[in-house]
Amino acid sequence: MKPTARTQTNPTRVAQNR
């Protein structure tokens, strides 16, 4: 299961996911 920026609520995870 790979969390995407759209599903992620953590800004840190979203920045890394980008």
Protein backbone atom coordinates (compact mmCIF):
# COMPACT_ATOMS: atom_id res chain seq x y z
CA MET A 1 0.00 0.00 0.00
CA LYS A 2 1.70 3.19 -1.18
CA PRO A 3 0.23 6.35 0.37
CA THR A 4 -0.11 9.22 -2.09
CA ALA A 5 0.09 12.95 -1.43
CA ARG A 6 -3.70 13.13 -1.95
CA THR A 7 -4.36 10.56 0.76
CA GLN A 8 -1.55 11.64 3.04
CA THR A 9 -2.38 14.33 5.60
CA ASN A 10 1.19 14.84 6.83
CA PRO A 11 2.98 17.70 5.02
CA THR A 12 6.32 15.99 5.59
CA ARG A 13 5.18 12.75 3.95
CA VAL A 14 3.57 14.66 1.11
CA ALA A 15 6.77 16.59 0.42
CA GLN A 16 8.75 13.34 0.38
CA ASN A 17 6.15 11.64 -1.81
CA ARG A 18 6.40 14.38 -4.43
